[in-house]
């Protein structure tokens, strides 16, 4: 567990992020991009209520909130894929972050896929 209450899973059948501390919360990641190109970021989340997140890629914020729509619950049956952003990236290490506006939704999976 991190100092701010975030918990990261060690099991494939559990959420990537679960945070029960007071907002705001943040999760930061680094990913190695194998070659330059257009990449899409997306994630699977679940939330009974609106729990929007801000997305930052290499320190720059995406122009819109993500995960703002409720999925109907917090369980696996309520999970939904959400597009996050597309960006042209150079090869090498890239950083991105999810920052909660209110409480953090349950985030199960984050995907980065080359589009071109």
N, C-alpha and C. Protein backbone atom coordinates (compact mmCIF):
# COMPACT_ATOMS: atom_id res chain seq x y z
N UNK A 1 0.85 -1.17 0.00
CA UNK A 1 0.00 0.00 0.00
C UNK A 1 0.89 1.23 0.00
N UNK A 2 0.49 2.23 -0.75
CA UNK A 2 1.24 3.48 -0.78
C UNK A 2 0.83 4.37 0.39
N UNK A 3 1.59 5.41 0.68
CA UNK A 3 1.26 6.29 1.80
C UNK A 3 -0.10 6.97 1.69
N UNK A 4 -0.64 7.13 0.47
CA UNK A 4 -1.93 7.81 0.33
C UNK A 4 -3.11 6.85 0.30
N UNK A 5 -2.90 5.56 0.57
CA UNK A 5 -4.00 4.61 0.64
C UNK A 5 -4.23 3.80 -0.62
N UNK A 6 -3.44 4.01 -1.68
CA UNK A 6 -3.62 3.24 -2.91
C UNK A 6 -3.06 1.84 -2.73
N UNK A 7 -3.75 0.86 -3.29
CA UNK A 7 -3.32 -0.52 -3.23
C UNK A 7 -3.17 -1.03 -4.66
N UNK A 8 -2.08 -1.72 -4.93
CA UNK A 8 -1.83 -2.27 -6.26
C UNK A 8 -1.87 -3.79 -6.16
N UNK A 9 -2.54 -4.42 -7.10
CA UNK A 9 -2.79 -5.84 -7.03
C UNK A 9 -1.55 -6.69 -7.29
N UNK A 10 -1.58 -7.87 -6.75
CA UNK A 10 -0.58 -8.89 -7.07
C UNK A 10 -1.24 -10.08 -7.76
N UNK A 11 -2.55 -9.95 -8.05
CA UNK A 11 -3.31 -11.03 -8.67
C UNK A 11 -3.99 -10.56 -9.94
N UNK A 12 -4.04 -11.43 -10.94
CA UNK A 12 -4.64 -11.08 -12.23
C UNK A 12 -6.14 -10.88 -12.15
N UNK A 13 -6.80 -11.46 -11.14
CA UNK A 13 -8.25 -11.32 -11.04
C UNK A 13 -8.67 -10.18 -10.13
N UNK A 14 -7.75 -9.33 -9.73
CA UNK A 14 -8.05 -8.17 -8.89
C UNK A 14 -7.77 -6.89 -9.66
N UNK A 15 -8.30 -5.81 -9.16
CA UNK A 15 -8.11 -4.51 -9.81
C UNK A 15 -6.65 -4.10 -9.84
N UNK A 16 -6.30 -3.33 -10.86
CA UNK A 16 -4.97 -2.75 -10.93
C UNK A 16 -4.83 -1.71 -9.81
N UNK A 17 -5.86 -0.89 -9.64
CA UNK A 17 -5.84 0.16 -8.63
C UNK A 17 -7.10 0.07 -7.78
N UNK A 18 -6.93 0.14 -6.48
CA UNK A 18 -8.04 0.34 -5.57
C UNK A 18 -7.56 1.31 -4.53
N UNK A 19 -8.31 2.37 -4.32
CA UNK A 19 -7.89 3.39 -3.38
C UNK A 19 -9.09 3.77 -2.53
N UNK A 20 -8.93 3.67 -1.21
CA UNK A 20 -10.03 4.04 -0.33
C UNK A 20 -9.72 5.23 0.56
N UNK A 21 -8.65 5.96 0.23
CA UNK A 21 -8.32 7.17 0.98
C UNK A 21 -9.10 8.36 0.45
N UNK A 22 -8.99 9.50 1.12
CA UNK A 22 -9.71 10.69 0.65
C UNK A 22 -9.11 11.21 -0.66
N UNK A 23 -9.94 11.82 -1.50
CA UNK A 23 -9.45 12.37 -2.76
C UNK A 23 -8.60 13.62 -2.51
N UNK A 24 -7.78 14.00 -3.45
CA UNK A 24 -7.54 13.30 -4.72
C UNK A 24 -6.54 12.17 -4.54
N UNK A 25 -6.55 11.25 -5.48
CA UNK A 25 -5.59 10.16 -5.51
C UNK A 25 -4.87 10.18 -6.84
N UNK A 26 -3.72 9.53 -6.90
CA UNK A 26 -2.96 9.50 -8.14
C UNK A 26 -2.25 8.17 -8.30
N UNK A 27 -2.11 7.73 -9.53
CA UNK A 27 -1.33 6.55 -9.87
C UNK A 27 -0.45 6.94 -11.04
N UNK A 28 0.85 6.70 -10.91
CA UNK A 28 1.79 7.06 -11.95
C UNK A 28 2.45 5.81 -12.51
N UNK A 29 2.70 5.81 -13.82
CA UNK A 29 3.25 4.65 -14.51
C UNK A 29 4.33 5.09 -15.48
N UNK A 30 5.20 4.15 -15.82
CA UNK A 30 6.14 4.31 -16.92
C UNK A 30 5.98 3.12 -17.83
N UNK A 31 6.02 3.36 -19.13
CA UNK A 31 5.92 2.30 -20.12
C UNK A 31 7.01 2.53 -21.16
N UNK A 32 7.63 1.45 -21.60
CA UNK A 32 8.65 1.56 -22.64
C UNK A 32 7.99 1.33 -23.99
N UNK A 33 8.04 2.34 -24.83
CA UNK A 33 7.47 2.27 -26.17
C UNK A 33 8.56 1.73 -27.10
N UNK A 34 8.32 0.59 -27.78
CA UNK A 34 9.38 -0.04 -28.58
C UNK A 34 9.80 0.73 -29.82
N UNK A 35 8.85 1.42 -30.46
CA UNK A 35 9.19 2.21 -31.64
C UNK A 35 8.21 3.37 -31.77
N UNK A 36 8.68 4.44 -32.40
CA UNK A 36 7.86 5.63 -32.57
C UNK A 36 6.59 5.31 -33.35
N UNK A 37 5.50 5.99 -33.01
CA UNK A 37 4.24 5.77 -33.71
C UNK A 37 3.08 6.39 -32.96
N UNK A 38 1.88 6.14 -33.48
CA UNK A 38 0.65 6.60 -32.86
C UNK A 38 0.16 5.51 -31.91
N UNK A 39 -0.04 5.86 -30.65
CA UNK A 39 -0.45 4.90 -29.64
C UNK A 39 -1.76 5.34 -29.00
N UNK A 40 -2.59 4.34 -28.67
CA UNK A 40 -3.85 4.59 -27.98
C UNK A 40 -3.77 4.03 -26.56
N UNK A 41 -4.18 4.83 -25.61
CA UNK A 41 -4.30 4.42 -24.22
C UNK A 41 -5.77 4.19 -23.93
N UNK A 42 -6.10 3.09 -23.26
CA UNK A 42 -7.46 2.82 -22.83
C UNK A 42 -7.40 2.05 -21.52
N UNK A 43 -8.52 1.98 -20.82
CA UNK A 43 -8.54 1.25 -19.56
C UNK A 43 -9.90 0.63 -19.31
N UNK A 44 -9.93 -0.34 -18.43
CA UNK A 44 -11.16 -0.97 -17.97
C UNK A 44 -11.41 -0.46 -16.55
N UNK A 45 -12.62 0.04 -16.33
CA UNK A 45 -12.95 0.54 -15.00
C UNK A 45 -14.37 0.15 -14.63
N UNK A 46 -14.68 0.30 -13.35
CA UNK A 46 -16.03 0.07 -12.84
C UNK A 46 -16.29 1.08 -11.74
N UNK A 47 -17.52 1.61 -11.73
CA UNK A 47 -17.89 2.59 -10.72
C UNK A 47 -19.40 2.73 -10.66
N UNK A 48 -19.96 2.71 -9.47
CA UNK A 48 -21.40 2.87 -9.30
C UNK A 48 -21.83 4.31 -9.53
N UNK A 49 -20.90 5.24 -9.34
CA UNK A 49 -21.21 6.65 -9.52
C UNK A 49 -20.12 7.31 -10.36
N UNK A 50 -20.30 8.56 -10.70
CA UNK A 50 -19.31 9.27 -11.52
C UNK A 50 -18.05 9.52 -10.71
N UNK A 51 -16.93 9.02 -11.21
CA UNK A 51 -15.64 9.21 -10.56
C UNK A 51 -14.61 9.57 -11.62
N UNK A 52 -14.69 10.78 -12.15
CA UNK A 52 -13.81 11.16 -13.25
C UNK A 52 -12.34 11.20 -12.85
N UNK A 53 -11.52 10.91 -13.84
CA UNK A 53 -10.06 10.97 -13.67
C UNK A 53 -9.48 11.95 -14.67
N UNK A 54 -8.37 12.55 -14.29
CA UNK A 54 -7.57 13.36 -15.21
C UNK A 54 -6.43 12.48 -15.68
N UNK A 55 -6.06 12.60 -16.96
CA UNK A 55 -5.00 11.79 -17.55
C UNK A 55 -3.86 12.71 -17.97
N UNK A 56 -2.65 12.38 -17.55
CA UNK A 56 -1.45 13.14 -17.91
C UNK A 56 -0.49 12.21 -18.64
N UNK A 57 0.01 12.66 -19.77
CA UNK A 57 1.00 11.92 -20.54
C UNK A 57 2.25 12.79 -20.65
N UNK A 58 3.34 12.29 -20.09
CA UNK A 58 4.60 13.04 -20.07
C UNK A 58 4.40 14.47 -19.54
N UNK A 59 3.57 14.57 -18.49
CA UNK A 59 3.35 15.85 -17.82
C UNK A 59 2.28 16.74 -18.42
N UNK A 60 1.73 16.36 -19.58
CA UNK A 60 0.69 17.18 -20.20
C UNK A 60 -0.67 16.53 -20.01
N UNK A 61 -1.64 17.34 -19.61
CA UNK A 61 -2.98 16.84 -19.32
C UNK A 61 -3.82 16.69 -20.58
N UNK A 62 -4.55 15.57 -20.68
CA UNK A 62 -5.51 15.38 -21.77
C UNK A 62 -6.63 16.39 -21.61
N UNK A 63 -7.25 16.81 -22.71
CA UNK A 63 -8.24 17.88 -22.64
C UNK A 63 -9.58 17.50 -22.04
N UNK A 64 -9.79 16.24 -21.71
CA UNK A 64 -11.08 15.82 -21.18
C UNK A 64 -10.90 14.82 -20.04
N UNK A 65 -11.88 14.75 -19.16
CA UNK A 65 -11.86 13.77 -18.07
C UNK A 65 -12.24 12.40 -18.62
N UNK A 66 -11.77 11.37 -17.96
CA UNK A 66 -12.12 9.99 -18.34
C UNK A 66 -12.83 9.33 -17.16
N UNK A 67 -13.51 8.23 -17.41
CA UNK A 67 -14.22 7.45 -16.38
C UNK A 67 -15.30 8.26 -15.68
N UNK A 68 -15.85 9.27 -16.34
CA UNK A 68 -16.87 10.10 -15.72
C UNK A 68 -18.25 9.44 -15.70
N UNK A 69 -18.46 8.49 -16.59
CA UNK A 69 -19.76 7.82 -16.66
C UNK A 69 -19.83 6.64 -15.70
N UNK A 70 -20.87 6.56 -14.86
CA UNK A 70 -21.03 5.39 -13.99
C UNK A 70 -21.24 4.14 -14.84
N UNK A 71 -20.76 3.00 -14.34
CA UNK A 71 -20.94 1.73 -15.05
C UNK A 71 -22.03 0.87 -14.41
N UNK A 72 -22.57 1.32 -13.30
CA UNK A 72 -23.65 0.57 -12.64
C UNK A 72 -23.22 -0.18 -11.40
N UNK A 73 -21.94 -0.23 -11.11
CA UNK A 73 -21.46 -0.93 -9.92
C UNK A 73 -19.95 -1.04 -9.93
N UNK A 74 -19.42 -1.70 -8.90
CA UNK A 74 -17.97 -1.82 -8.74
C UNK A 74 -17.44 -3.22 -9.05
N UNK A 75 -18.31 -4.14 -9.40
CA UNK A 75 -17.89 -5.52 -9.60
C UNK A 75 -17.45 -5.78 -11.03
N UNK A 76 -16.90 -6.96 -11.25
CA UNK A 76 -16.42 -7.36 -12.57
C UNK A 76 -17.52 -7.29 -13.63
N UNK A 77 -18.75 -7.61 -13.22
CA UNK A 77 -19.87 -7.57 -14.16
C UNK A 77 -20.17 -6.17 -14.66
N UNK A 78 -19.70 -5.15 -13.97
CA UNK A 78 -19.97 -3.75 -14.33
C UNK A 78 -18.80 -3.07 -15.03
N UNK A 79 -17.75 -3.82 -15.33
CA UNK A 79 -16.56 -3.23 -15.96
C UNK A 79 -16.87 -2.72 -17.37
N UNK A 80 -16.16 -1.66 -17.76
CA UNK A 80 -16.35 -1.07 -19.09
C UNK A 80 -15.00 -0.57 -19.60
N UNK A 81 -14.75 -0.81 -20.90
CA UNK A 81 -13.56 -0.22 -21.53
C UNK A 81 -13.84 1.25 -21.79
N UNK A 82 -12.83 2.08 -21.59
CA UNK A 82 -12.95 3.51 -21.87
C UNK A 82 -11.71 3.97 -22.63
N UNK A 83 -11.90 4.67 -23.75
CA UNK A 83 -10.75 5.26 -24.42
C UNK A 83 -10.21 6.38 -23.54
N UNK A 84 -8.90 6.54 -23.54
CA UNK A 84 -8.27 7.56 -22.71
C UNK A 84 -7.67 8.65 -23.59
N UNK A 85 -6.76 8.27 -24.48
CA UNK A 85 -6.09 9.26 -25.33
C UNK A 85 -5.36 8.55 -26.45
N UNK A 86 -5.11 9.28 -27.53
CA UNK A 86 -4.20 8.85 -28.59
C UNK A 86 -3.10 9.88 -28.68
N UNK A 87 -1.88 9.40 -28.89
CA UNK A 87 -0.76 10.33 -28.98
C UNK A 87 0.36 9.73 -29.82
N UNK A 88 1.02 10.58 -30.56
CA UNK A 88 2.20 10.16 -31.30
C UNK A 88 3.37 10.20 -30.33
N UNK A 89 4.04 9.05 -30.14
CA UNK A 89 5.11 8.92 -29.16
C UNK A 89 6.40 8.50 -29.81
N UNK A 90 7.50 8.95 -29.25
CA UNK A 90 8.83 8.48 -29.65
C UNK A 90 9.13 7.17 -28.93
N UNK A 91 10.06 6.41 -29.45
CA UNK A 91 10.50 5.20 -28.77
C UNK A 91 11.16 5.58 -27.45
N UNK A 92 11.03 4.70 -26.46
CA UNK A 92 11.67 4.95 -25.17
C UNK A 92 10.65 5.01 -24.04
N UNK A 93 11.12 5.39 -22.89
CA UNK A 93 10.28 5.43 -21.69
C UNK A 93 9.36 6.65 -21.73
N UNK A 94 8.08 6.40 -21.52
CA UNK A 94 7.05 7.44 -21.44
C UNK A 94 6.37 7.31 -20.08
N UNK A 95 5.96 8.42 -19.52
CA UNK A 95 5.26 8.38 -18.23
C UNK A 95 3.83 8.86 -18.41
N UNK A 96 2.93 8.25 -17.63
CA UNK A 96 1.55 8.72 -17.62
C UNK A 96 1.00 8.58 -16.21
N UNK A 97 -0.03 9.36 -15.93
CA UNK A 97 -0.62 9.37 -14.60
C UNK A 97 -2.13 9.49 -14.69
N UNK A 98 -2.81 8.89 -13.73
CA UNK A 98 -4.24 9.03 -13.52
C UNK A 98 -4.41 9.75 -12.19
N UNK A 99 -5.17 10.84 -12.19
CA UNK A 99 -5.39 11.64 -10.98
C UNK A 99 -6.89 11.78 -10.77
N UNK A 100 -7.35 11.43 -9.58
CA UNK A 100 -8.79 11.47 -9.32
C UNK A 100 -9.27 12.89 -9.06
N UNK A 101 -10.47 13.17 -9.52
CA UNK A 101 -11.14 14.43 -9.23
C UNK A 101 -11.89 14.27 -7.91
N UNK A 102 -12.55 13.13 -7.74
CA UNK A 102 -13.23 12.76 -6.49
C UNK A 102 -12.61 11.43 -6.04
N UNK A 103 -13.44 10.46 -5.66
CA UNK A 103 -12.92 9.15 -5.33
C UNK A 103 -12.43 8.47 -6.61
N UNK A 104 -11.50 7.53 -6.44
CA UNK A 104 -10.95 6.79 -7.57
C UNK A 104 -11.93 5.69 -7.97
N UNK A 105 -12.21 5.51 -9.27
CA UNK A 105 -12.98 4.34 -9.70
C UNK A 105 -12.09 3.09 -9.56
N UNK A 106 -12.69 1.93 -9.67
CA UNK A 106 -11.92 0.70 -9.71
C UNK A 106 -11.34 0.57 -11.12
N UNK A 107 -10.03 0.53 -11.25
CA UNK A 107 -9.36 0.39 -12.54
C UNK A 107 -8.76 -1.00 -12.60
N UNK A 108 -9.21 -1.79 -13.56
CA UNK A 108 -8.79 -3.19 -13.64
C UNK A 108 -7.62 -3.41 -14.59
N UNK A 109 -7.60 -2.67 -15.71
CA UNK A 109 -6.59 -2.92 -16.72
C UNK A 109 -6.30 -1.63 -17.47
N UNK A 110 -5.04 -1.44 -17.83
CA UNK A 110 -4.64 -0.31 -18.66
C UNK A 110 -3.96 -0.90 -19.90
N UNK A 111 -4.34 -0.38 -21.07
CA UNK A 111 -3.82 -0.93 -22.33
C UNK A 111 -3.19 0.20 -23.15
N UNK A 112 -2.03 -0.08 -23.72
CA UNK A 112 -1.36 0.85 -24.63
C UNK A 112 -1.11 0.07 -25.92
N UNK A 113 -1.72 0.52 -27.04
CA UNK A 113 -1.66 -0.23 -28.29
C UNK A 113 -1.25 0.71 -29.43
N UNK A 114 -0.31 0.26 -30.24
CA UNK A 114 0.08 1.04 -31.41
C UNK A 114 -1.04 1.01 -32.44
N UNK A 115 -1.32 2.16 -33.04
CA UNK A 115 -2.44 2.31 -33.97
C UNK A 115 -2.03 2.43 -35.43
N UNK A 116 -0.74 2.63 -35.72
CA UNK A 116 -0.34 2.77 -37.12
C UNK A 116 0.73 1.76 -37.48
